[in-house]
Amino acid sequence: MQVDHSKIIQDWLETKLGAALLQQECRIVEEILDGAFGEQFLQLGLWGDNRTFARFTRTQHCSIISKPSTIQPYSSKPCVIGHLHQLPIESDSIDVILLPHSLDYSDRPHAILREVDRVLRRDGRVIILGFKLGGLWGLRRLIPGAGIPPGANYLISERRMKDWLQLLDMRIDRSLRYFFRLPLLINKAYGKNKWELRGQTWWPELSACYMLSAQKRVSTLTHVRSLWRRKPQVVAGLAGSQTRVSRIHFQESKIDPVN
């Protein structure tokens, strides 16, 4: 049984380190969603309040699903309570899905990704934010007072996440490694972007987080052509005043394409 860490996570996001990370992730998500249009946007899991990322959507409708027992911060837009691995959503109905560190706190990542694939429409997009296993924050357990968010016990490497998405026949169209700061709550270099630019250019492996954007492929079905009709065969009858003709008709076979 998973323990809900929503209140502790919310408190961590209000620290200087957490607020700096959330601010940068807002910029990243805003840029990605700027070109993502459609009808339905879905966020799986809370990270910040209910409007942290939803305000950047370009879709007509926006929904958020959070786990049962999650403490929801005050907002005019409530969340739907449900299990992320059993979404109460119709298949092929969502245009954009955002998972903000949701897989870092779940012991059923495969089931969640299968549900993402099920509800996404063709050409739909999924955006994943995750903590890296290595990098500067990979040594967090060796650093006293490290400010890693509590409860993130199911970290998935960027390479493995890419493999899983490709197995679901999703095309990764963008990836980014970000947040190059020590996991210390006393870190003071919060407002300087020069370390981000240097880190992304010179030492991307040291980043604390990664972002993956993938698009669901459109399955191009090759229809098998129906069998040609054979010409009617004329069978000569016995000699007589009339010739009896028998026409043999071949029924057209229809082969349904296999998805």
Protein backbone atom coordinates (compact mmCIF):
# COMPACT_ATOMS: atom_id res chain seq x y z
CA MET A 1 0.00 0.00 0.00
CA GLN A 2 1.39 3.35 -1.05
CA VAL A 3 1.68 6.15 1.47
CA ASP A 4 0.35 9.53 0.42
CA HIS A 5 3.00 12.23 0.71
CA SER A 6 0.95 15.09 -0.73
CA LYS A 7 1.17 17.36 2.32
CA ILE A 8 4.93 16.77 2.71
CA ILE A 9 5.49 17.34 -1.01
CA GLN A 10 3.48 20.55 -0.89
CA ASP A 11 5.59 21.79 2.02
CA TRP A 12 8.78 20.88 0.12
CA LEU A 13 7.61 22.78 -2.98
CA GLU A 14 7.22 25.87 -0.80
CA THR A 15 10.89 25.82 0.18
CA LYS A 16 13.35 27.88 -1.85
CA LEU A 17 14.72 24.81 -3.58
CA GLY A 18 11.29 23.40 -4.36
CA ALA A 19 9.94 26.74 -5.54
CA ALA A 20 12.92 27.18 -7.86
CA LEU A 21 12.37 23.74 -9.37
CA LEU A 22 8.64 24.33 -9.81
CA GLN A 23 9.25 27.69 -11.42
CA GLN A 24 11.60 26.20 -13.98
CA GLU A 25 9.23 23.33 -14.70
CA CYS A 26 6.44 25.81 -15.34
CA ARG A 27 8.55 27.47 -18.02
CA ILE A 28 9.35 24.11 -19.60
CA VAL A 29 5.74 22.93 -19.64
CA GLU A 30 4.51 26.28 -20.92
CA GLU A 31 6.86 26.08 -23.88
CA ILE A 32 5.85 22.49 -24.69
CA LEU A 33 2.12 23.17 -24.38
CA ASP A 34 2.39 26.26 -26.55
CA GLY A 35 2.24 24.04 -29.64
CA ALA A 36 -0.10 21.37 -28.25
CA PHE A 37 -3.67 21.99 -29.34
CA GLY A 38 -6.79 19.88 -29.27
CA GLU A 39 -9.93 19.33 -27.25
CA GLN A 40 -8.90 17.53 -24.05
CA PHE A 41 -5.94 18.02 -21.67
CA LEU A 42 -5.35 15.62 -18.78
CA GLN A 43 -2.89 15.92 -15.90
CA LEU A 44 -2.19 12.79 -13.87
CA GLY A 45 -1.15 13.60 -10.33
CA LEU A 46 -0.74 16.90 -8.48
CA TRP A 47 2.54 18.80 -8.43
CA GLY A 48 1.96 22.21 -6.95
CA ASP A 49 -1.64 23.43 -6.93
CA ASN A 50 -4.40 22.67 -9.40
CA ARG A 51 -3.53 25.58 -11.68
CA THR A 52 0.26 25.25 -11.71
CA PHE A 53 0.38 23.70 -15.18
CA ALA A 54 -3.26 23.80 -16.29
CA ARG A 55 -3.08 27.55 -16.92
CA PHE A 56 -0.74 26.95 -19.86
CA THR A 57 -3.01 24.60 -21.79
CA ARG A 58 -4.26 25.46 -25.27
CA THR A 59 -6.97 22.80 -25.33
CA GLN A 60 -10.69 23.44 -24.96
CA HIS A 61 -11.05 21.40 -21.77
CA CYS A 62 -8.70 20.61 -18.91
CA SER A 63 -8.95 17.87 -16.26
CA ILE A 64 -6.76 16.71 -13.37
CA ILE A 65 -6.85 13.30 -11.73
CA SER A 66 -5.18 12.83 -8.37
CA LYS A 67 -4.77 9.71 -6.26
CA PRO A 68 -7.26 8.87 -3.52
CA SER A 69 -6.52 10.50 -0.15
CA THR A 70 -4.46 13.22 -1.83
CA ILE A 71 -4.75 16.49 0.06
CA GLN A 72 -5.81 19.05 -2.50
CA PRO A 73 -4.68 22.64 -2.13
CA TYR A 74 -7.34 25.30 -2.33
CA SER A 75 -8.23 26.12 -5.91
CA SER A 76 -11.26 27.06 -7.96
CA LYS A 77 -10.63 24.02 -10.15
CA PRO A 78 -11.04 20.74 -8.23
CA CYS A 79 -9.39 17.44 -9.09
CA VAL A 80 -11.02 14.17 -10.00
CA ILE A 81 -10.09 11.46 -7.51
CA GLY A 82 -9.09 8.16 -9.08
CA HIS A 83 -6.38 5.57 -9.54
CA LEU A 84 -3.84 6.56 -12.16
CA HIS A 85 -3.48 2.96 -13.34
CA GLN A 86 -7.26 2.64 -13.84
CA LEU A 87 -8.41 5.83 -15.48
CA PRO A 88 -12.17 6.41 -15.64
CA ILE A 89 -11.78 7.78 -19.16
CA GLU A 90 -12.92 6.61 -22.56
CA SER A 91 -10.27 5.21 -24.89
CA ASP A 92 -8.84 7.45 -27.65
CA SER A 93 -10.30 10.60 -26.12
CA ILE A 94 -7.38 12.74 -24.80
CA ASP A 95 -5.12 15.02 -26.85
CA VAL A 96 -2.43 15.91 -24.29
CA ILE A 97 -1.40 14.14 -21.06
CA LEU A 98 1.01 15.54 -18.48
CA LEU A 99 2.67 13.42 -15.77
CA PRO A 100 4.54 15.80 -13.42
CA HIS A 101 6.74 13.40 -11.40
CA SER A 102 3.72 11.09 -11.07
CA LEU A 103 5.75 7.99 -11.95
CA ASP A 104 8.37 8.87 -9.32
CA TYR A 105 5.76 8.13 -6.65
CA SER A 106 4.11 5.04 -8.13
CA ASP A 107 5.03 1.37 -7.92
CA ARG A 108 2.87 0.65 -10.99
CA PRO A 109 4.51 2.72 -13.75
CA HIS A 110 3.84 0.16 -16.47
CA ALA A 111 0.12 0.13 -15.72
CA ILE A 112 -0.03 3.93 -15.75
CA LEU A 113 1.75 4.15 -19.09
CA ARG A 114 -0.56 1.53 -20.58
CA GLU A 115 -3.51 3.62 -19.50
CA VAL A 116 -1.88 6.70 -21.02
CA ASP A 117 -1.52 4.85 -24.30
CA ARG A 118 -5.13 3.67 -24.15
CA VAL A 119 -6.76 7.05 -23.59
CA LEU A 120 -4.50 9.04 -25.94
CA ARG A 121 -5.86 9.83 -29.36
CA ARG A 122 -3.84 9.20 -32.48
CA ASP A 123 -1.21 11.90 -32.72
CA GLY A 124 -1.82 12.64 -29.02
CA ARG A 125 1.08 13.80 -26.87
CA VAL A 126 2.39 12.76 -23.47
CA ILE A 127 4.76 14.91 -21.41
CA ILE A 128 6.71 13.33 -18.54
CA LEU A 129 8.70 15.10 -15.83
CA GLY A 130 10.95 12.86 -13.75
CA PHE A 131 13.87 12.89 -11.34
CA LYS A 132 17.13 11.40 -12.61
CA LEU A 133 18.69 8.44 -10.88
CA GLY A 134 22.19 9.86 -11.24
CA GLY A 135 23.54 13.37 -11.49
CA LEU A 136 24.04 15.80 -8.66
CA TRP A 137 20.96 14.53 -6.88
CA GLY A 138 21.97 10.90 -7.26
CA LEU A 139 24.21 11.35 -4.22
CA ARG A 140 21.39 12.80 -2.15
CA ARG A 141 21.48 9.94 0.36
CA LEU A 142 25.13 10.74 1.09
CA ILE A 143 24.47 14.42 1.72
CA PRO A 144 23.14 15.34 5.18
CA GLY A 145 20.09 17.57 4.87
CA ALA A 146 19.62 16.91 1.16
CA GLY A 147 16.41 18.47 -0.06
CA ILE A 148 15.12 15.68 -2.30
CA PRO A 149 11.31 15.49 -2.20
CA PRO A 150 10.21 12.80 0.28
CA GLY A 151 8.57 9.66 -1.01
CA ALA A 152 10.14 9.67 -4.49
CA ASN A 153 11.20 6.05 -4.17
CA TYR A 154 10.40 4.77 -7.66
CA LEU A 155 12.73 6.76 -9.86
CA ILE A 156 13.02 5.59 -13.47
CA SER A 157 16.08 6.33 -15.56
CA GLU A 158 15.67 8.47 -18.64
CA ARG A 159 16.93 5.67 -20.88
CA ARG A 160 14.47 3.15 -19.50
CA MET A 161 11.61 5.61 -19.83
CA LYS A 162 12.50 6.12 -23.49
CA ASP A 163 12.53 2.36 -24.03
CA TRP A 164 9.10 2.01 -22.46
CA LEU A 165 7.63 4.77 -24.60
CA GLN A 166 9.09 3.27 -27.76
CA LEU A 167 7.65 -0.12 -26.84
CA LEU A 168 4.26 1.60 -26.78
CA ASP A 169 5.00 2.81 -30.32
CA MET A 170 5.39 6.44 -29.26
CA ARG A 171 7.80 8.75 -31.04
CA ILE A 172 9.95 10.85 -28.72
CA ASP A 173 10.08 14.29 -30.28
CA ARG A 174 11.81 16.21 -27.52
CA SER A 175 13.92 15.61 -24.43
CA LEU A 176 15.52 17.98 -21.95
CA ARG A 177 17.69 17.65 -18.86
CA TYR A 178 17.30 20.48 -16.40
CA PHE A 179 17.91 21.84 -12.90
CA PHE A 180 21.63 21.84 -12.17
CA ARG A 181 21.69 22.66 -8.47
CA LEU A 182 22.74 20.77 -5.39
CA PRO A 183 19.83 19.24 -3.43
CA LEU A 184 20.48 21.48 -0.45
CA LEU A 185 17.85 23.69 1.07
CA ILE A 186 20.55 26.25 1.90
CA ASN A 187 21.58 26.62 -1.76
CA LYS A 188 21.45 30.31 -2.67
CA ALA A 189 21.92 30.18 -6.45
CA TYR A 190 18.21 30.08 -7.25
CA GLY A 191 17.67 33.01 -9.54
CA LYS A 192 20.65 32.54 -11.84
CA ASN A 193 20.02 30.98 -15.24
CA LYS A 194 23.68 30.82 -16.21
CA TRP A 195 24.13 27.50 -14.39
CA GLU A 196 21.21 26.02 -16.31
CA LEU A 197 22.67 27.09 -19.64
CA ARG A 198 26.13 25.82 -18.72
CA GLY A 199 24.76 22.56 -17.39
CA GLN A 200 22.63 21.82 -20.46
CA THR A 201 25.63 22.58 -22.67
CA TRP A 202 28.58 21.09 -20.79
CA TRP A 203 27.40 18.55 -18.23
CA PRO A 204 23.81 17.41 -18.97
CA GLU A 205 24.39 14.12 -17.12
CA LEU A 206 24.54 16.04 -13.83
CA SER A 207 20.99 17.38 -14.07
CA ALA A 208 18.48 16.62 -11.34
CA CYS A 209 15.51 16.10 -13.66
CA TYR A 210 14.53 15.24 -17.20
CA MET A 211 11.59 15.98 -19.46
CA LEU A 212 10.35 13.72 -22.25
CA SER A 213 7.74 14.61 -24.84
CA ALA A 214 6.39 11.79 -27.00
CA GLN A 215 3.71 11.54 -29.65
CA LYS A 216 1.47 8.56 -30.21
CA ARG A 217 1.99 7.23 -33.70
CA VAL A 218 -0.79 6.91 -36.21
CA SER A 219 -1.01 3.28 -37.23
CA THR A 220 -1.09 3.20 -41.01
CA LEU A 221 -3.10 0.12 -41.86
CA THR A 222 -2.44 -1.52 -45.19
CA HIS A 223 -5.74 -2.90 -46.38
CA VAL A 224 -5.55 -6.27 -48.06
CA ARG A 225 -7.30 -6.07 -51.40
CA SER A 226 -10.28 -8.30 -51.89
CA LEU A 227 -9.74 -11.32 -54.05
CA TRP A 228 -10.46 -10.74 -57.71
CA ARG A 229 -13.77 -12.08 -58.98
CA ARG A 230 -13.23 -14.96 -61.26
CA LYS A 231 -15.02 -14.88 -64.54
CA PRO A 232 -18.07 -17.10 -64.74
CA GLN A 233 -17.35 -20.48 -66.19
CA VAL A 234 -19.65 -21.88 -68.84
CA VAL A 235 -20.36 -25.55 -68.58
CA ALA A 236 -21.48 -27.11 -71.83
CA GLY A 237 -24.71 -28.99 -71.48
CA LEU A 238 -25.88 -32.16 -73.23
CA ALA A 239 -26.90 -31.96 -76.85
CA GLY A 240 -30.44 -30.79 -77.18
CA SER A 241 -32.69 -27.98 -78.26
CA GLN A 242 -31.45 -25.77 -75.49
CA THR A 243 -28.03 -25.36 -73.92
CA ARG A 244 -28.07 -25.42 -70.19
CA VAL A 245 -25.58 -22.93 -68.78
CA SER A 246 -24.40 -23.01 -65.20
CA ARG A 247 -22.66 -19.98 -63.83
CA ILE A 248 -20.44 -20.46 -60.82
CA HIS A 249 -20.15 -17.35 -58.67
CA PHE A 250 -17.34 -16.89 -56.29
CA GLN A 251 -18.18 -14.94 -53.22
CA GLU A 252 -15.90 -11.97 -52.61
CA SER A 253 -13.74 -12.51 -49.57
CA LYS A 254 -13.27 -9.60 -47.21
CA ILE A 255 -10.21 -9.60 -44.97
CA ASP A 256 -10.27 -7.21 -42.08
CA PRO A 257 -6.96 -5.53 -41.26
CA VAL A 258 -5.39 -6.53 -37.99
CA ASN A 259 -4.68 -3.67 -35.67
